[in-house]
């Protein structure tokens, strides 16, 4: 009986070690995200967002988050077949709890960063210069609320095959 319990314990331990190794193999992302600025912009002036309505694009003040990393996110997205998105929310020891204010995905200028992005000569030239690389993300303008504490930003996303993109958490500067 002791041998069977020991064998079961050893099997469970081996399974958990292999599961942890597998999760690590399918998880990647930059760990050096730095938010450099948060600025208010008008939605109507942001060409990144498709507008298919015949009505004029509405004027709405939103926030643009500029961030840097030494990782070429487009190369990573294409290599790993990743959808690249982000989360913004209260900072916590358990990571960013997305508050649902995100708009669109992650951009470099007018180029959206994801696995099927078409090659862009401007992006290729900027990437050839090397890191750091600067990207943008957009959110609805956060309401000032001292009770919620600092807001954090993290990259998120992944692939259909179970790959997971997650970056470090970066604190948004107060603006």
Protein backbone atom coordinates (compact mmCIF):
# COMPACT_ATOMS: atom_id res chain seq x y z
CA UNK A 1 0.00 0.00 0.00
CA UNK A 2 2.81 2.42 0.81
CA UNK A 3 4.48 1.54 -2.51
CA UNK A 4 1.29 2.28 -4.46
CA UNK A 5 0.87 5.62 -2.69
CA UNK A 6 4.52 6.44 -3.38
CA UNK A 7 4.12 5.46 -7.04
CA UNK A 8 0.98 7.58 -7.35
CA UNK A 9 2.75 10.53 -5.72
CA UNK A 10 5.73 10.16 -8.06
CA UNK A 11 3.44 9.94 -11.09
CA UNK A 12 1.57 13.07 -10.00
CA UNK A 13 4.86 14.91 -9.44
CA UNK A 14 6.17 13.89 -12.90
CA UNK A 15 2.90 15.01 -14.50
CA UNK A 16 2.99 18.42 -12.79
CA UNK A 17 6.64 18.97 -13.79
CA UNK A 18 5.86 18.16 -17.42
CA UNK A 19 2.78 20.39 -17.36
CA UNK A 20 4.84 23.29 -15.97
CA UNK A 21 7.50 22.77 -18.64
CA UNK A 22 4.84 22.64 -21.34
CA UNK A 23 3.23 25.87 -20.09
CA UNK A 24 6.62 27.60 -20.08
CA UNK A 25 7.26 26.39 -23.62
CA UNK A 26 3.97 27.94 -24.83
CA UNK A 27 4.32 31.23 -22.93
CA UNK A 28 6.44 34.11 -24.14
CA UNK A 29 6.52 37.84 -24.34
CA UNK A 30 8.74 40.77 -23.52
CA UNK A 31 9.60 41.35 -19.88
CA UNK A 32 10.90 44.89 -20.40
CA UNK A 33 7.75 46.89 -21.26
CA UNK A 34 8.16 50.53 -20.24
CA UNK A 35 5.29 53.02 -20.58
CA UNK A 36 6.87 56.27 -21.77
CA UNK A 37 3.78 58.47 -21.97
CA UNK A 38 0.01 58.66 -21.84
CA UNK A 39 -1.47 61.49 -23.90
CA UNK A 40 -4.97 62.58 -24.78
CA UNK A 41 -5.83 62.41 -28.49
CA UNK A 42 -9.00 62.79 -30.52
CA UNK A 43 -10.43 59.53 -31.88
CA UNK A 44 -11.43 61.25 -35.14
CA UNK A 45 -7.76 61.94 -35.90
CA UNK A 46 -6.50 58.38 -35.34
CA UNK A 47 -6.12 56.63 -38.70
CA UNK A 48 -5.37 53.29 -37.00
CA UNK A 49 -9.05 52.68 -36.43
CA UNK A 50 -11.12 51.64 -39.43
CA UNK A 51 -14.20 53.75 -40.00
CA UNK A 52 -16.77 52.30 -42.41
CA UNK A 53 -19.75 54.52 -41.65
CA UNK A 54 -20.74 57.21 -44.15
CA UNK A 55 -21.15 59.56 -41.17
CA UNK A 56 -18.07 61.51 -40.11
CA UNK A 57 -15.85 59.93 -37.51
CA UNK A 58 -16.94 61.20 -34.07
CA UNK A 59 -14.80 63.51 -31.99
CA UNK A 60 -14.00 61.75 -28.73
CA UNK A 61 -11.03 62.29 -26.43
CA UNK A 62 -9.21 59.00 -25.79
CA UNK A 63 -5.80 58.21 -24.30
CA UNK A 64 -2.81 56.95 -26.27
CA UNK A 65 -0.28 54.86 -24.38
CA UNK A 66 3.23 54.94 -25.84
CA UNK A 67 5.46 52.11 -24.64
CA UNK A 68 8.84 50.65 -25.51
CA UNK A 69 10.40 47.23 -25.50
CA UNK A 70 13.58 45.69 -26.87
CA UNK A 71 11.41 42.99 -28.52
CA UNK A 72 10.28 43.40 -32.13
CA UNK A 73 6.60 42.62 -31.49
CA UNK A 74 5.72 42.14 -35.15
CA UNK A 75 8.51 39.59 -35.62
CA UNK A 76 7.37 37.81 -32.43
CA UNK A 77 3.72 37.81 -33.60
CA UNK A 78 4.65 36.36 -36.98
CA UNK A 79 7.06 33.77 -35.55
CA UNK A 80 4.60 32.49 -32.90
CA UNK A 81 1.37 33.19 -34.86
CA UNK A 82 0.25 35.53 -32.07
CA UNK A 83 -2.64 37.90 -31.78
CA UNK A 84 -1.17 40.84 -29.81
CA UNK A 85 -3.47 42.78 -27.52
CA UNK A 86 -3.21 44.39 -24.08
CA UNK A 87 -4.91 44.89 -20.75
CA UNK A 88 -5.17 48.01 -18.60
CA UNK A 89 -6.49 48.00 -15.08
CA UNK A 90 -5.69 48.35 -11.41
CA UNK A 91 -2.24 47.11 -10.47
CA UNK A 92 -2.20 44.10 -8.15
CA UNK A 93 0.19 41.39 -7.03
CA UNK A 94 -1.87 38.96 -9.14
CA UNK A 95 -1.32 41.00 -12.33
CA UNK A 96 -3.46 43.44 -14.26
CA UNK A 97 -7.21 43.00 -13.93
CA UNK A 98 -8.48 44.37 -17.26
CA UNK A 99 -10.99 47.18 -16.80
CA UNK A 100 -12.35 46.94 -20.36
CA UNK A 101 -11.21 50.39 -21.53
CA UNK A 102 -8.97 49.09 -24.35
CA UNK A 103 -9.61 50.18 -27.94
CA UNK A 104 -8.23 48.10 -30.80
CA UNK A 105 -4.93 46.32 -30.49
CA UNK A 106 -1.28 47.29 -30.37
CA UNK A 107 0.07 49.59 -33.10
CA UNK A 108 3.26 50.96 -34.55
CA UNK A 109 2.11 54.15 -36.22
CA UNK A 110 -0.66 53.00 -38.57
CA UNK A 111 0.43 49.32 -38.53
CA UNK A 112 -1.53 46.95 -36.30
CA UNK A 113 0.69 44.33 -34.69
CA UNK A 114 -0.58 40.75 -35.18
CA UNK A 115 0.51 37.58 -36.97
CA UNK A 116 -1.08 38.39 -40.36
CA UNK A 117 0.11 41.99 -40.65
CA UNK A 118 1.33 42.74 -44.16
CA UNK A 119 4.95 43.83 -44.51
CA UNK A 120 5.33 47.59 -44.18
CA UNK A 121 8.50 49.30 -45.49
CA UNK A 122 8.37 51.97 -42.75
CA UNK A 123 8.16 49.35 -40.03
CA UNK A 124 10.92 47.26 -41.62
CA UNK A 125 13.22 50.30 -41.74
CA UNK A 126 12.50 51.19 -38.10
CA UNK A 127 13.01 47.59 -36.98
CA UNK A 128 16.32 47.42 -38.86
CA UNK A 129 17.62 50.25 -36.66
CA UNK A 130 17.19 47.98 -33.65
CA UNK A 131 15.75 48.42 -30.19
CA UNK A 132 14.17 49.97 -28.35
CA UNK A 133 10.95 49.74 -30.37
CA UNK A 134 8.07 52.13 -29.61
CA UNK A 135 4.44 51.04 -29.91
CA UNK A 136 1.03 52.51 -29.11
CA UNK A 137 -2.17 51.28 -27.52
CA UNK A 138 -5.40 53.23 -27.06
CA UNK A 139 -7.91 53.29 -24.21
CA UNK A 140 -11.03 55.20 -23.34
CA UNK A 141 -9.90 58.06 -21.14
CA UNK A 142 -9.63 56.69 -17.60
CA UNK A 143 -11.67 58.44 -14.95
CA UNK A 144 -9.71 59.85 -12.05
CA UNK A 145 -10.41 57.67 -9.06
CA UNK A 146 -7.93 57.68 -6.19
CA UNK A 147 -9.71 54.68 -4.63
CA UNK A 148 -8.73 52.39 -7.52
CA UNK A 149 -5.02 53.17 -7.11
CA UNK A 150 -2.41 53.04 -9.85
CA UNK A 151 -3.29 51.65 -13.27
CA UNK A 152 -1.04 49.11 -14.96
CA UNK A 153 -0.54 48.05 -18.58
CA UNK A 154 0.46 44.61 -19.84
CA UNK A 155 0.63 42.93 -23.22
CA UNK A 156 -1.60 39.92 -23.65
CA UNK A 157 -2.70 37.61 -26.44
CA UNK A 158 -1.59 34.32 -27.88
CA UNK A 159 -2.24 31.77 -30.57
CA UNK A 160 -4.97 29.29 -31.47
CA UNK A 161 -2.57 26.47 -30.57
CA UNK A 162 -2.37 27.49 -26.93
CA UNK A 163 0.63 29.78 -27.07
CA UNK A 164 0.34 32.58 -24.55
CA UNK A 165 1.71 36.11 -24.86
CA UNK A 166 2.14 37.97 -21.62
CA UNK A 167 4.56 40.77 -20.73
CA UNK A 168 5.58 42.36 -17.49
CA UNK A 169 3.20 44.88 -15.93
CA UNK A 170 4.10 48.56 -16.33
CA UNK A 171 2.59 51.37 -14.28
CA UNK A 172 0.81 54.07 -16.25
CA UNK A 173 2.02 57.58 -15.40
CA UNK A 174 -0.66 59.87 -14.01
CA UNK A 175 -1.78 62.45 -16.56
